[in-house]
PDB file of all heavy atoms in Angstrom:
ATOM      1  N   ASN A   1     -17.058  33.391 -47.438  1.00  0.00           N
ATOM      2  CA  ASN A   1     -16.238  34.120 -46.464  1.00  0.00           C
ATOM      3  C   ASN A   1     -16.212  33.395 -45.129  1.00  0.00           C
ATOM      4  O   ASN A   1     -17.172  32.720 -44.767  1.00  0.00           O
ATOM      5  CB  ASN A   1     -16.809  35.524 -46.238  1.00  0.00           C
ATOM      6  CG  ASN A   1     -16.027  36.600 -46.947  1.00  0.00           C
ATOM      7  OD1 ASN A   1     -14.802  36.546 -46.995  1.00  0.00           O
ATOM      8  ND2 ASN A   1     -16.719  37.573 -47.499  1.00  0.00           N
ATOM      9  N   TYR A   2     -15.101  33.573 -44.438  1.00  0.00           N
ATOM     10  CA  TYR A   2     -14.994  33.044 -43.078  1.00  0.00           C
ATOM     11  C   TYR A   2     -14.383  34.135 -42.212  1.00  0.00           C
ATOM     12  O   TYR A   2     -13.320  34.686 -42.539  1.00  0.00           O
ATOM     13  CB  TYR A   2     -14.117  31.794 -43.039  1.00  0.00           C
ATOM     14  CG  TYR A   2     -13.950  31.205 -41.657  1.00  0.00           C
ATOM     15  CD1 TYR A   2     -14.915  30.366 -41.114  1.00  0.00           C
ATOM     16  CD2 TYR A   2     -12.826  31.505 -40.882  1.00  0.00           C
ATOM     17  CE1 TYR A   2     -14.782  29.831 -39.840  1.00  0.00           C
ATOM     18  CE2 TYR A   2     -12.673  30.975 -39.609  1.00  0.00           C
ATOM     19  CZ  TYR A   2     -13.650  30.137 -39.095  1.00  0.00           C
ATOM     20  OH  TYR A   2     -13.515  29.615 -37.836  1.00  0.00           O
ATOM     21  N   VAL A   3     -15.068  34.460 -41.099  1.00  0.00           N
ATOM     22  CA  VAL A   3     -14.557  35.464 -40.175  1.00  0.00           C
ATOM     23  C   VAL A   3     -14.727  34.920 -38.763  1.00  0.00           C
ATOM     24  O   VAL A   3     -15.807  34.447 -38.391  1.00  0.00           O
ATOM     25  CB  VAL A   3     -15.311  36.807 -40.304  1.00  0.00           C
ATOM     26  CG1 VAL A   3     -14.709  37.843 -39.365  1.00  0.00           C
ATOM     27  CG2 VAL A   3     -15.278  37.308 -41.737  1.00  0.00           C
ATOM     28  N   ALA A   4     -13.650  34.984 -37.966  1.00  0.00           N
ATOM     29  CA  ALA A   4     -13.710  34.423 -36.619  1.00  0.00           C
ATOM     30  C   ALA A   4     -12.833  35.209 -35.651  1.00  0.00           C
ATOM     31  O   ALA A   4     -11.851  35.859 -36.048  1.00  0.00           O
ATOM     32  CB  ALA A   4     -13.274  32.964 -36.632  1.00  0.00           C
ATOM     33  N   LEU A   5     -13.203  35.144 -34.388  1.00  0.00           N
ATOM     34  CA  LEU A   5     -12.367  35.663 -33.308  1.00  0.00           C
ATOM     35  C   LEU A   5     -11.424  34.539 -32.885  1.00  0.00           C
ATOM     36  O   LEU A   5     -11.870  33.432 -32.576  1.00  0.00           O
ATOM     37  CB  LEU A   5     -13.235  36.088 -32.131  1.00  0.00           C
ATOM     38  CG  LEU A   5     -12.499  36.664 -30.912  1.00  0.00           C
ATOM     39  CD1 LEU A   5     -11.900  38.024 -31.241  1.00  0.00           C
ATOM     40  CD2 LEU A   5     -13.459  36.779 -29.718  1.00  0.00           C
ATOM     41  N   ILE A   6     -10.125  34.806 -32.904  1.00  0.00           N
ATOM     42  CA  ILE A   6      -9.144  33.773 -32.585  1.00  0.00           C
ATOM     43  C   ILE A   6      -8.278  34.207 -31.408  1.00  0.00           C
ATOM     44  O   ILE A   6      -8.206  35.392 -31.067  1.00  0.00           O
ATOM     45  CB  ILE A   6      -8.248  33.429 -33.796  1.00  0.00           C
ATOM     46  CG1 ILE A   6      -7.407  34.651 -34.204  1.00  0.00           C
ATOM     47  CG2 ILE A   6      -9.090  32.923 -34.957  1.00  0.00           C
ATOM     48  CD1 ILE A   6      -6.332  34.344 -35.247  1.00  0.00           C
ATOM     49  N   LYS A   7      -7.603  33.213 -30.816  1.00  0.00           N
ATOM     50  CA  LYS A   7      -6.708  33.482 -29.697  1.00  0.00           C
ATOM     51  C   LYS A   7      -5.336  32.895 -30.002  1.00  0.00           C
ATOM     52  O   LYS A   7      -5.220  31.769 -30.471  1.00  0.00           O
ATOM     53  CB  LYS A   7      -7.265  32.858 -28.415  1.00  0.00           C
ATOM     54  CG  LYS A   7      -6.471  33.193 -27.167  1.00  0.00           C
ATOM     55  CD  LYS A   7      -7.150  32.612 -25.931  1.00  0.00           C
ATOM     56  CE  LYS A   7      -6.412  32.966 -24.654  1.00  0.00           C
ATOM     57  NZ  LYS A   7      -7.074  32.403 -23.455  1.00  0.00           N
ATOM     58  N   TYR A   8      -4.325  33.692 -29.751  1.00  0.00           N
ATOM     59  CA  TYR A   8      -2.938  33.233 -29.893  1.00  0.00           C
ATOM     60  C   TYR A   8      -2.205  33.621 -28.617  1.00  0.00           C
ATOM     61  O   TYR A   8      -2.055  34.811 -28.328  1.00  0.00           O
ATOM     62  CB  TYR A   8      -2.285  33.865 -31.118  1.00  0.00           C
ATOM     63  CG  TYR A   8      -0.839  33.484 -31.309  1.00  0.00           C
ATOM     64  CD1 TYR A   8      -0.476  32.182 -31.647  1.00  0.00           C
ATOM     65  CD2 TYR A   8       0.171  34.427 -31.143  1.00  0.00           C
ATOM     66  CE1 TYR A   8       0.845  31.831 -31.823  1.00  0.00           C
ATOM     67  CE2 TYR A   8       1.507  34.086 -31.321  1.00  0.00           C
ATOM     68  CZ  TYR A   8       1.833  32.783 -31.653  1.00  0.00           C
ATOM     69  OH  TYR A   8       3.156  32.431 -31.828  1.00  0.00           O
ATOM     70  N   PHE A   9      -1.802  32.622 -27.844  1.00  0.00           N
ATOM     71  CA  PHE A   9      -1.339  32.849 -26.482  1.00  0.00           C
ATOM     72  C   PHE A   9      -2.432  33.601 -25.720  1.00  0.00           C
ATOM     73  O   PHE A   9      -3.545  33.137 -25.638  1.00  0.00           O
ATOM     74  CB  PHE A   9       0.012  33.561 -26.468  1.00  0.00           C
ATOM     75  CG  PHE A   9       1.138  32.648 -26.890  1.00  0.00           C
ATOM     76  CD1 PHE A   9       1.624  32.667 -28.197  1.00  0.00           C
ATOM     77  CD2 PHE A   9       1.689  31.743 -25.996  1.00  0.00           C
ATOM     78  CE1 PHE A   9       2.653  31.814 -28.587  1.00  0.00           C
ATOM     79  CE2 PHE A   9       2.711  30.878 -26.374  1.00  0.00           C
ATOM     80  CZ  PHE A   9       3.195  30.912 -27.668  1.00  0.00           C
ATOM     81  N   GLU A  10      -2.174  34.772 -25.206  1.00  0.00           N
ATOM     82  CA  GLU A  10      -3.190  35.467 -24.412  1.00  0.00           C
ATOM     83  C   GLU A  10      -3.869  36.599 -25.177  1.00  0.00           C
ATOM     84  O   GLU A  10      -4.688  37.329 -24.617  1.00  0.00           O
ATOM     85  CB  GLU A  10      -2.559  36.027 -23.130  1.00  0.00           C
ATOM     86  CG  GLU A  10      -1.986  34.965 -22.204  1.00  0.00           C
ATOM     87  CD  GLU A  10      -3.025  33.920 -21.800  1.00  0.00           C
ATOM     88  OE1 GLU A  10      -4.157  34.319 -21.458  1.00  0.00           O
ATOM     89  OE2 GLU A  10      -2.713  32.718 -21.856  1.00  0.00           O
ATOM     90  N   GLU A  11      -3.540  36.752 -26.447  1.00  0.00           N
ATOM     91  CA  GLU A  11      -4.088  37.851 -27.237  1.00  0.00           C
ATOM     92  C   GLU A  11      -5.177  37.356 -28.192  1.00  0.00           C
ATOM     93  O   GLU A  11      -5.125  36.225 -28.669  1.00  0.00           O
ATOM     94  CB  GLU A  11      -2.982  38.539 -28.045  1.00  0.00           C
ATOM     95  CG  GLU A  11      -1.882  39.159 -27.197  1.00  0.00           C
ATOM     96  CD  GLU A  11      -2.375  40.312 -26.341  1.00  0.00           C
ATOM     97  OE1 GLU A  11      -3.299  41.032 -26.784  1.00  0.00           O
ATOM     98  OE2 GLU A  11      -1.845  40.492 -25.228  1.00  0.00           O
ATOM     99  N   THR A  12      -6.156  38.220 -28.461  1.00  0.00           N
ATOM    100  CA  THR A  12      -7.219  37.880 -29.410  1.00  0.00           C
ATOM    101  C   THR A  12      -7.099  38.732 -30.669  1.00  0.00           C
ATOM    102  O   THR A  12      -6.653  39.889 -30.624  1.00  0.00           O
ATOM    103  CB  THR A  12      -8.611  38.079 -28.785  1.00  0.00           C
ATOM    104  OG1 THR A  12      -8.732  39.424 -28.309  1.00  0.00           O
ATOM    105  CG2 THR A  12      -8.843  37.095 -27.658  1.00  0.00           C
ATOM    106  N   TYR A  13      -7.514  38.147 -31.778  1.00  0.00           N
ATOM    107  CA  TYR A  13      -7.475  38.804 -33.078  1.00  0.00           C
ATOM    108  C   TYR A  13      -8.692  38.369 -33.887  1.00  0.00           C
ATOM    109  O   TYR A  13      -9.406  37.443 -33.507  1.00  0.00           O
ATOM    110  CB  TYR A  13      -6.197  38.416 -33.843  1.00  0.00           C
ATOM    111  CG  TYR A  13      -4.919  38.736 -33.114  1.00  0.00           C
ATOM    112  CD1 TYR A  13      -4.340  37.808 -32.255  1.00  0.00           C
ATOM    113  CD2 TYR A  13      -4.301  39.971 -33.272  1.00  0.00           C
ATOM    114  CE1 TYR A  13      -3.170  38.105 -31.566  1.00  0.00           C
ATOM    115  CE2 TYR A  13      -3.134  40.280 -32.587  1.00  0.00           C
ATOM    116  CZ  TYR A  13      -2.566  39.342 -31.739  1.00  0.00           C
ATOM    117  OH  TYR A  13      -1.414  39.630 -31.056  1.00  0.00           O
ATOM    118  N   VAL A  14      -8.905  39.036 -34.995  1.00  0.00           N
ATOM    119  CA  VAL A  14      -9.947  38.621 -35.936  1.00  0.00           C
ATOM    120  C   VAL A  14      -9.267  38.040 -37.163  1.00  0.00           C
ATOM    121  O   VAL A  14      -8.345  38.637 -37.726  1.00  0.00           O
ATOM    122  CB  VAL A  14     -10.851  39.811 -36.330  1.00  0.00           C
ATOM    123  CG1 VAL A  14     -11.807  39.400 -37.462  1.00  0.00           C
ATOM    124  CG2 VAL A  14     -11.642  40.294 -35.130  1.00  0.00           C
ATOM    125  N   LEU A  15      -9.730  36.870 -37.570  1.00  0.00           N
ATOM    126  CA  LEU A  15      -9.195  36.176 -38.742  1.00  0.00           C
ATOM    127  C   LEU A  15     -10.236  36.202 -39.853  1.00  0.00           C
ATOM    128  O   LEU A  15     -11.404  35.869 -39.630  1.00  0.00           O
ATOM    129  CB  LEU A  15      -8.855  34.726 -38.392  1.00  0.00           C
ATOM    130  CG  LEU A  15      -8.429  33.817 -39.560  1.00  0.00           C
ATOM    131  CD1 LEU A  15      -7.082  34.256 -40.117  1.00  0.00           C
ATOM    132  CD2 LEU A  15      -8.381  32.357 -39.108  1.00  0.00           C
ATOM    133  N   LYS A  16      -9.820  36.581 -41.057  1.00  0.00           N
ATOM    134  CA  LYS A  16     -10.712  36.591 -42.214  1.00  0.00           C
ATOM    135  C   LYS A  16     -10.103  35.786 -43.351  1.00  0.00           C
ATOM    136  O   LYS A  16      -8.935  35.960 -43.677  1.00  0.00           O
ATOM    137  CB  LYS A  16     -10.981  38.022 -42.677  1.00  0.00           C
ATOM    138  CG  LYS A  16     -11.924  38.093 -43.883  1.00  0.00           C
ATOM    139  CD  LYS A  16     -12.202  39.525 -44.314  1.00  0.00           C
ATOM    140  CE  LYS A  16     -13.179  39.560 -45.486  1.00  0.00           C
ATOM    141  NZ  LYS A  16     -13.453  40.941 -45.947  1.00  0.00           N
ATOM    142  N   LEU A  17     -10.913  34.905 -43.950  1.00  0.00           N
ATOM    143  CA  LEU A  17     -10.510  34.144 -45.121  1.00  0.00           C
ATOM    144  C   LEU A  17     -11.427  34.566 -46.277  1.00  0.00           C
ATOM    145  O   LEU A  17     -12.594  34.159 -46.319  1.00  0.00           O
ATOM    146  CB  LEU A  17     -10.651  32.634 -44.887  1.00  0.00           C
ATOM    147  CG  LEU A  17      -9.548  31.906 -44.102  1.00  0.00           C
ATOM    148  CD1 LEU A  17      -9.395  32.459 -42.703  1.00  0.00           C
ATOM    149  CD2 LEU A  17      -9.856  30.414 -44.035  1.00  0.00           C
ATOM    150  N   PRO A  18     -10.932  35.393 -47.203  1.00  0.00           N
ATOM    151  CA  PRO A  18     -11.773  35.869 -48.315  1.00  0.00           C
ATOM    152  C   PRO A  18     -11.835  34.845 -49.449  1.00  0.00           C
ATOM    153  O   PRO A  18     -11.297  35.057 -50.543  1.00  0.00           O
ATOM    154  CB  PRO A  18     -11.053  37.154 -48.747  1.00  0.00           C
ATOM    155  CG  PRO A  18      -9.615  36.878 -48.438  1.00  0.00           C
ATOM    156  CD  PRO A  18      -9.602  36.003 -47.206  1.00  0.00           C
ATOM    157  N   SER A  19     -12.518  33.720 -49.209  1.00  0.00           N
ATOM    158  CA  SER A  19     -12.453  32.583 -50.125  1.00  0.00           C
ATOM    159  C   SER A  19     -13.106  32.828 -51.476  1.00  0.00           C
ATOM    160  O   SER A  19     -12.796  32.140 -52.448  1.00  0.00           O
ATOM    161  CB  SER A  19     -13.072  31.344 -49.467  1.00  0.00           C
ATOM    162  OG  SER A  19     -14.373  31.619 -49.009  1.00  0.00           O
ATOM    163  N   ASN A  20     -14.012  33.802 -51.572  1.00  0.00           N
ATOM    164  CA  ASN A  20     -14.623  34.091 -52.869  1.00  0.00           C
ATOM    165  C   ASN A  20     -13.579  34.490 -53.901  1.00  0.00           C
ATOM    166  O   ASN A  20     -13.758  34.305 -55.099  1.00  0.00           O
ATOM    167  CB  ASN A  20     -15.662  35.213 -52.735  1.00  0.00           C
ATOM    168  CG  ASN A  20     -17.049  34.743 -53.124  1.00  0.00           C
ATOM    169  OD1 ASN A  20     -17.306  33.541 -53.201  1.00  0.00           O
ATOM    170  ND2 ASN A  20     -17.948  35.673 -53.356  1.00  0.00           N
ATOM    171  N   GLU A  21     -12.478  35.034 -53.412  1.00  0.00           N
ATOM    172  CA  GLU A  21     -11.413  35.502 -54.299  1.00  0.00           C
ATOM    173  C   GLU A  21     -10.787  34.358 -55.093  1.00  0.00           C
ATOM    174  O   GLU A  21     -10.365  34.542 -56.230  1.00  0.00           O
ATOM    175  CB  GLU A  21     -10.344  36.208 -53.469  1.00  0.00           C
ATOM    176  CG  GLU A  21      -9.190  36.741 -54.267  1.00  0.00           C
ATOM    177  CD  GLU A  21      -8.233  37.528 -53.390  1.00  0.00           C
ATOM    178  OE1 GLU A  21      -7.801  36.995 -52.347  1.00  0.00           O
ATOM    179  OE2 GLU A  21      -7.936  38.671 -53.741  1.00  0.00           O
ATOM    180  N   TYR A  22     -10.728  33.193 -54.485  1.00  0.00           N
ATOM    181  CA  TYR A  22     -10.122  32.058 -55.197  1.00  0.00           C
ATOM    182  C   TYR A  22     -11.117  30.926 -55.446  1.00  0.00           C
ATOM    183  O   TYR A  22     -10.761  29.893 -55.999  1.00  0.00           O
ATOM    184  CB  TYR A  22      -8.892  31.529 -54.436  1.00  0.00           C
ATOM    185  CG  TYR A  22      -9.028  31.458 -52.937  1.00  0.00           C
ATOM    186  CD1 TYR A  22      -9.543  30.345 -52.307  1.00  0.00           C
ATOM    187  CD2 TYR A  22      -8.620  32.535 -52.143  1.00  0.00           C
ATOM    188  CE1 TYR A  22      -9.663  30.289 -50.931  1.00  0.00           C
ATOM    189  CE2 TYR A  22      -8.740  32.485 -50.759  1.00  0.00           C
ATOM    190  CZ  TYR A  22      -9.256  31.359 -50.161  1.00  0.00           C
ATOM    191  OH  TYR A  22      -9.372  31.303 -48.793  1.00  0.00           O
ATOM    192  N   ARG A  23     -12.371  31.143 -55.081  1.00  0.00           N
ATOM    193  CA  ARG A  23     -13.417  30.161 -55.356  1.00  0.00           C
ATOM    194  C   ARG A  23     -14.066  30.403 -56.719  1.00  0.00           C
ATOM    195  O   ARG A  23     -14.493  29.469 -57.388  1.00  0.00           O
ATOM    196  CB  ARG A  23     -14.490  30.242 -54.254  1.00  0.00           C
ATOM    197  CG  ARG A  23     -15.524  29.149 -54.288  1.00  0.00           C
ATOM    198  CD  ARG A  23     -16.412  29.240 -53.060  1.00  0.00           C
ATOM    199  NE  ARG A  23     -17.275  30.406 -53.103  1.00  0.00           N
ATOM    200  CZ  ARG A  23     -18.578  30.361 -53.419  1.00  0.00           C
ATOM    201  NH1 ARG A  23     -19.150  29.216 -53.714  1.00  0.00           N
ATOM    202  NH2 ARG A  23     -19.301  31.453 -53.420  1.00  0.00           N
ATOM    203  N   ILE A  24     -14.124  31.664 -57.124  1.00  0.00           N
ATOM    204  CA  ILE A  24     -14.725  32.039 -58.409  1.00  0.00           C
ATOM    205  C   ILE A  24     -13.628  32.081 -59.473  1.00  0.00           C
ATOM    206  O   ILE A  24     -12.664  32.849 -59.342  1.00  0.00           O
ATOM    207  CB  ILE A  24     -15.418  33.405 -58.294  1.00  0.00           C
ATOM    208  CG1 ILE A  24     -16.494  33.359 -57.194  1.00  0.00           C
ATOM    209  CG2 ILE A  24     -16.010  33.828 -59.620  1.00  0.00           C
ATOM    210  CD1 ILE A  24     -17.097  34.700 -56.862  1.00  0.00           C
ATOM    211  N   PRO A  25     -13.724  31.270 -60.520  1.00  0.00           N
ATOM    212  CA  PRO A  25     -12.641  31.140 -61.506  1.00  0.00           C
ATOM    213  C   PRO A  25     -12.140  32.448 -62.095  1.00  0.00           C
ATOM    214  O   PRO A  25     -10.930  32.673 -62.181  1.00  0.00           O
ATOM    215  CB  PRO A  25     -13.264  30.239 -62.582  1.00  0.00           C
ATOM    216  CG  PRO A  25     -14.264  29.427 -61.848  1.00  0.00           C
ATOM    217  CD  PRO A  25     -14.840  30.349 -60.809  1.00  0.00           C
ATOM    218  N   GLN A  26     -13.059  33.351 -62.503  1.00  0.00           N
ATOM    219  CA  GLN A  26     -12.608  34.591 -63.134  1.00  0.00           C
ATOM    220  C   GLN A  26     -11.869  35.490 -62.154  1.00  0.00           C
ATOM    221  O   GLN A  26     -10.906  36.164 -62.514  1.00  0.00           O
ATOM    222  CB  GLN A  26     -13.782  35.332 -63.792  1.00  0.00           C
ATOM    223  CG  GLN A  26     -14.927  35.731 -62.865  1.00  0.00           C
ATOM    224  CD  GLN A  26     -16.009  34.681 -62.791  1.00  0.00           C
ATOM    225  OE1 GLN A  26     -15.733  33.490 -62.857  1.00  0.00           O
ATOM    226  NE2 GLN A  26     -17.262  35.134 -62.645  1.00  0.00           N
ATOM    227  N   ARG A  27     -12.302  35.476 -60.880  1.00  0.00           N
ATOM    228  CA  ARG A  27     -11.601  36.267 -59.872  1.00  0.00           C
ATOM    229  C   ARG A  27     -10.257  35.631 -59.535  1.00  0.00           C
ATOM    230  O   ARG A  27      -9.260  36.329 -59.312  1.00  0.00           O
ATOM    231  CB  ARG A  27     -12.455  36.412 -58.618  1.00  0.00           C
ATOM    232  CG  ARG A  27     -13.665  37.321 -58.811  1.00  0.00           C
ATOM    233  CD  ARG A  27     -14.412  37.557 -57.520  1.00  0.00           C
ATOM    234  NE  ARG A  27     -13.579  38.234 -56.530  1.00  0.00           N
ATOM    235  CZ  ARG A  27     -13.998  38.546 -55.306  1.00  0.00           C
ATOM    236  NH1 ARG A  27     -15.240  38.229 -54.940  1.00  0.00           N
ATOM    237  NH2 ARG A  27     -13.197  39.146 -54.458  1.00  0.00           N
ATOM    238  N   LYS A  28     -10.227  34.316 -59.477  1.00  0.00           N
ATOM    239  CA  LYS A  28      -8.972  33.619 -59.202  1.00  0.00           C
ATOM    240  C   LYS A  28      -7.951  33.899 -60.295  1.00  0.00           C
ATOM    241  O   LYS A  28      -6.769  34.137 -60.016  1.00  0.00           O
ATOM    242  CB  LYS A  28      -9.224  32.115 -59.089  1.00  0.00           C
ATOM    243  CG  LYS A  28      -7.989  31.305 -58.715  1.00  0.00           C
ATOM    244  CD  LYS A  28      -8.340  29.849 -58.473  1.00  0.00           C
ATOM    245  CE  LYS A  28      -7.122  29.051 -58.051  1.00  0.00           C
ATOM    246  NZ  LYS A  28      -7.461  27.638 -57.759  1.00  0.00           N
ATOM    247  N   PHE A  29      -8.383  33.887 -61.545  1.00  0.00           N
ATOM    248  CA  PHE A  29      -7.475  34.170 -62.661  1.00  0.00           C
ATOM    249  C   PHE A  29      -6.862  35.551 -62.533  1.00  0.00           C
ATOM    250  O   PHE A  29      -5.670  35.750 -62.787  1.00  0.00           O
ATOM    251  CB  PHE A  29      -8.225  34.044 -63.991  1.00  0.00           C
ATOM    252  CG  PHE A  29      -7.398  34.437 -65.182  1.00  0.00           C
ATOM    253  CD1 PHE A  29      -6.413  33.587 -65.668  1.00  0.00           C
ATOM    254  CD2 PHE A  29      -7.592  35.665 -65.808  1.00  0.00           C
ATOM    255  CE1 PHE A  29      -5.631  33.961 -66.761  1.00  0.00           C
ATOM    256  CE2 PHE A  29      -6.817  36.040 -66.892  1.00  0.00           C
ATOM    257  CZ  PHE A  29      -5.833  35.181 -67.377  1.00  0.00           C
ATOM    258  N   LEU A  30      -7.662  36.520 -62.104  1.00  0.00           N
ATOM    259  CA  LEU A  30      -7.165  37.890 -61.982  1.00  0.00           C
ATOM    260  C   LEU A  30      -6.090  38.031 -60.910  1.00  0.00           C
ATOM    261  O   LEU A  30      -5.315  38.990 -60.930  1.00  0.00           O
ATOM    262  CB  LEU A  30      -8.331  38.843 -61.688  1.00  0.00           C
ATOM    263  CG  LEU A  30      -9.313  39.071 -62.847  1.00  0.00           C
ATOM    264  CD1 LEU A  30     -10.491  39.916 -62.388  1.00  0.00           C
ATOM    265  CD2 LEU A  30      -8.611  39.739 -64.034  1.00  0.00           C
ATOM    266  N   THR A  31      -6.027  37.075 -59.967  1.00  0.00           N
ATOM    267  CA  THR A  31      -4.983  37.157 -58.939  1.00  0.00           C
ATOM    268  C   THR A  31      -3.588  36.906 -59.514  1.00  0.00           C
ATOM    269  O   THR A  31      -2.596  37.121 -58.830  1.00  0.00           O
ATOM    270  CB  THR A  31      -5.247  36.171 -57.780  1.00  0.00           C
ATOM    271  OG1 THR A  31      -5.203  34.816 -58.252  1.00  0.00           O
ATOM    272  CG2 THR A  31      -6.596  36.446 -57.133  1.00  0.00           C
ATOM    273  N   LEU A  32      -3.530  36.449 -60.767  1.00  0.00           N
ATOM    274  CA  LEU A  32      -2.238  36.363 -61.449  1.00  0.00           C
ATOM    275  C   LEU A  32      -1.575  37.734 -61.513  1.00  0.00           C
ATOM    276  O   LEU A  32      -0.343  37.846 -61.517  1.00  0.00           O
ATOM    277  CB  LEU A  32      -2.413  35.826 -62.870  1.00  0.00           C
ATOM    278  CG  LEU A  32      -2.497  34.321 -63.068  1.00  0.00           C
ATOM    279  CD1 LEU A  32      -2.944  34.004 -64.490  1.00  0.00           C
ATOM    280  CD2 LEU A  32      -1.155  33.655 -62.772  1.00  0.00           C
ATOM    281  N   PHE A  33      -2.398  38.763 -61.578  1.00  0.00           N
ATOM    282  CA  PHE A  33      -1.900  40.117 -61.807  1.00  0.00           C
ATOM    283  C   PHE A  33      -2.088  41.030 -60.600  1.00  0.00           C
ATOM    284  O   PHE A  33      -1.791  42.218 -60.669  1.00  0.00           O
ATOM    285  CB  PHE A  33      -2.629  40.727 -63.013  1.00  0.00           C
ATOM    286  CG  PHE A  33      -2.765  39.780 -64.177  1.00  0.00           C
ATOM    287  CD1 PHE A  33      -3.980  39.152 -64.430  1.00  0.00           C
ATOM    288  CD2 PHE A  33      -1.688  39.494 -64.992  1.00  0.00           C
ATOM    289  CE1 PHE A  33      -4.117  38.271 -65.490  1.00  0.00           C
ATOM    290  CE2 PHE A  33      -1.813  38.616 -66.051  1.00  0.00           C
ATOM    291  CZ  PHE A  33      -3.024  37.989 -66.304  1.00  0.00           C
ATOM    292  N   LYS A  34      -2.616  40.475 -59.486  1.00  0.00           N
ATOM    293  CA  LYS A  34      -2.914  41.291 -58.319  1.00  0.00           C
ATOM    294  C   LYS A  34      -2.293  40.712 -57.050  1.00  0.00           C
ATOM    295  O   LYS A  34      -1.998  39.517 -56.987  1.00  0.00           O
ATOM    296  CB  LYS A  34      -4.439  41.391 -58.116  1.00  0.00           C
ATOM    297  CG  LYS A  34      -5.185  42.081 -59.240  1.00  0.00           C
ATOM    298  CD  LYS A  34      -6.673  42.134 -58.910  1.00  0.00           C
ATOM    299  CE  LYS A  34      -7.461  42.883 -59.955  1.00  0.00           C
ATOM    300  NZ  LYS A  34      -8.912  42.954 -59.609  1.00  0.00           N
ATOM    301  N   ASN A  35      -2.162  41.567 -56.037  1.00  0.00           N
ATOM    302  CA  ASN A  35      -1.699  41.105 -54.730  1.00  0.00           C
ATOM    303  C   ASN A  35      -2.744  40.261 -54.019  1.00  0.00           C
ATOM    304  O   ASN A  35      -2.415  39.433 -53.177  1.00  0.00           O
ATOM    305  CB  ASN A  35      -1.347  42.294 -53.837  1.00  0.00           C
ATOM    306  CG  ASN A  35      -0.039  42.939 -54.221  1.00  0.00           C
ATOM    307  OD1 ASN A  35       0.885  42.266 -54.663  1.00  0.00           O
ATOM    308  ND2 ASN A  35       0.053  44.248 -54.068  1.00  0.00           N
ATOM    309  N   GLY A  36      -4.008  40.488 -54.341  1.00  0.00           N
ATOM    310  CA  GLY A  36      -5.086  39.806 -53.645  1.00  0.00           C
ATOM    311  C   GLY A  36      -5.622  40.650 -52.499  1.00  0.00           C
ATOM    312  O   GLY A  36      -4.986  41.597 -52.033  1.00  0.00           O
ATOM    313  N   GLU A  37      -6.818  40.281 -52.013  1.00  0.00           N
ATOM    314  CA  GLU A  37      -7.505  41.087 -51.003  1.00  0.00           C
ATOM    315  C   GLU A  37      -6.718  41.211 -49.709  1.00  0.00           C
ATOM    316  O   GLU A  37      -6.630  42.297 -49.129  1.00  0.00           O
ATOM    317  CB  GLU A  37      -8.881  40.482 -50.714  1.00  0.00           C
ATOM    318  CG  GLU A  37      -9.678  41.266 -49.686  1.00  0.00           C
ATOM    319  CD  GLU A  37     -11.070  40.698 -49.440  1.00  0.00           C
ATOM    320  OE1 GLU A  37     -11.631  40.082 -50.357  1.00  0.00           O
ATOM    321  OE2 GLU A  37     -11.583  40.884 -48.326  1.00  0.00           O
ATOM    322  N   ALA A  38      -6.139  40.122 -49.220  1.00  0.00           N
ATOM    323  CA  ALA A  38      -5.458  40.146 -47.927  1.00  0.00           C
ATOM    324  C   ALA A  38      -4.272  41.105 -47.937  1.00  0.00           C
ATOM    325  O   ALA A  38      -4.144  41.967 -47.062  1.00  0.00           O
ATOM    326  CB  ALA A  38      -5.014  38.738 -47.541  1.00  0.00           C
ATOM    327  N   VAL A  39      -3.398  40.956 -48.923  1.00  0.00           N
ATOM    328  CA  VAL A  39      -2.189  41.799 -48.987  1.00  0.00           C
ATOM    329  C   VAL A  39      -2.555  43.246 -49.321  1.00  0.00           C
ATOM    330  O   VAL A  39      -1.970  44.190 -48.768  1.00  0.00           O
ATOM    331  CB  VAL A  39      -1.185  41.235 -50.006  1.00  0.00           C
ATOM    332  CG1 VAL A  39       0.018  42.167 -50.148  1.00  0.00           C
ATOM    333  CG2 VAL A  39      -0.720  39.849 -49.577  1.00  0.00           C
ATOM    334  N   THR A  40      -3.524  43.432 -50.214  1.00  0.00           N
ATOM    335  CA  THR A  40      -3.963  44.785 -50.562  1.00  0.00           C
ATOM    336  C   THR A  40      -4.489  45.523 -49.344  1.00  0.00           C
ATOM    337  O   THR A  40      -4.146  46.686 -49.098  1.00  0.00           O
ATOM    338  CB  THR A  40      -5.057  44.731 -51.649  1.00  0.00           C
ATOM    339  OG1 THR A  40      -4.502  44.148 -52.833  1.00  0.00           O
ATOM    340  CG2 THR A  40      -5.583  46.118 -51.969  1.00  0.00           C
ATOM    341  N   THR A  41      -5.332  44.855 -48.553  1.00  0.00           N
ATOM    342  CA  THR A  41      -5.874  45.470 -47.341  1.00  0.00           C
ATOM    343  C   THR A  41      -4.763  45.805 -46.353  1.00  0.00           C
ATOM    344  O   THR A  41      -4.717  46.909 -45.793  1.00  0.00           O
ATOM    345  CB  THR A  41      -6.889  44.529 -46.674  1.00  0.00           C
ATOM    346  OG1 THR A  41      -7.921  44.192 -47.609  1.00  0.00           O
ATOM    347  CG2 THR A  41      -7.506  45.169 -45.439  1.00  0.00           C
ATOM    348  N   LEU A  42      -3.862  44.855 -46.129  1.00  0.00           N
ATOM    349  CA  LEU A  42      -2.738  45.069 -45.208  1.00  0.00           C
ATOM    350  C   LEU A  42      -1.907  46.278 -45.641  1.00  0.00           C
ATOM    351  O   LEU A  42      -1.580  47.157 -44.830  1.00  0.00           O
ATOM    352  CB  LEU A  42      -1.866  43.813 -45.161  1.00  0.00           C
ATOM    353  CG  LEU A  42      -0.608  43.878 -44.307  1.00  0.00           C
ATOM    354  CD1 LEU A  42      -0.966  43.968 -42.824  1.00  0.00           C
ATOM    355  CD2 LEU A  42       0.283  42.654 -44.561  1.00  0.00           C
ATOM    356  N   LYS A  43      -1.579  46.330 -46.907  1.00  0.00           N
ATOM    357  CA  LYS A  43      -0.729  47.401 -47.422  1.00  0.00           C
ATOM    358  C   LYS A  43      -1.436  48.755 -47.385  1.00  0.00           C
ATOM    359  O   LYS A  43      -0.879  49.739 -46.894  1.00  0.00           O
ATOM    360  CB  LYS A  43      -0.315  47.081 -48.858  1.00  0.00           C
ATOM    361  CG  LYS A  43       0.599  48.106 -49.497  1.00  0.00           C
ATOM    362  CD  LYS A  43       0.976  47.693 -50.915  1.00  0.00           C
ATOM    363  CE  LYS A  43       1.858  48.745 -51.571  1.00  0.00           C
ATOM    364  NZ  LYS A  43       2.206  48.364 -52.974  1.00  0.00           N
TER     365      LYS A  43
END
């Protein structure tokens, strides 16, 4: 996982990269049939 505080122009946000989702082969394969963590959380 990677989580950081980022800045874009004058605003700050939190950025998350859920890399375990595509680092582990069996989990990566399942993303064929899923939106994935990022889109699922957003939605």
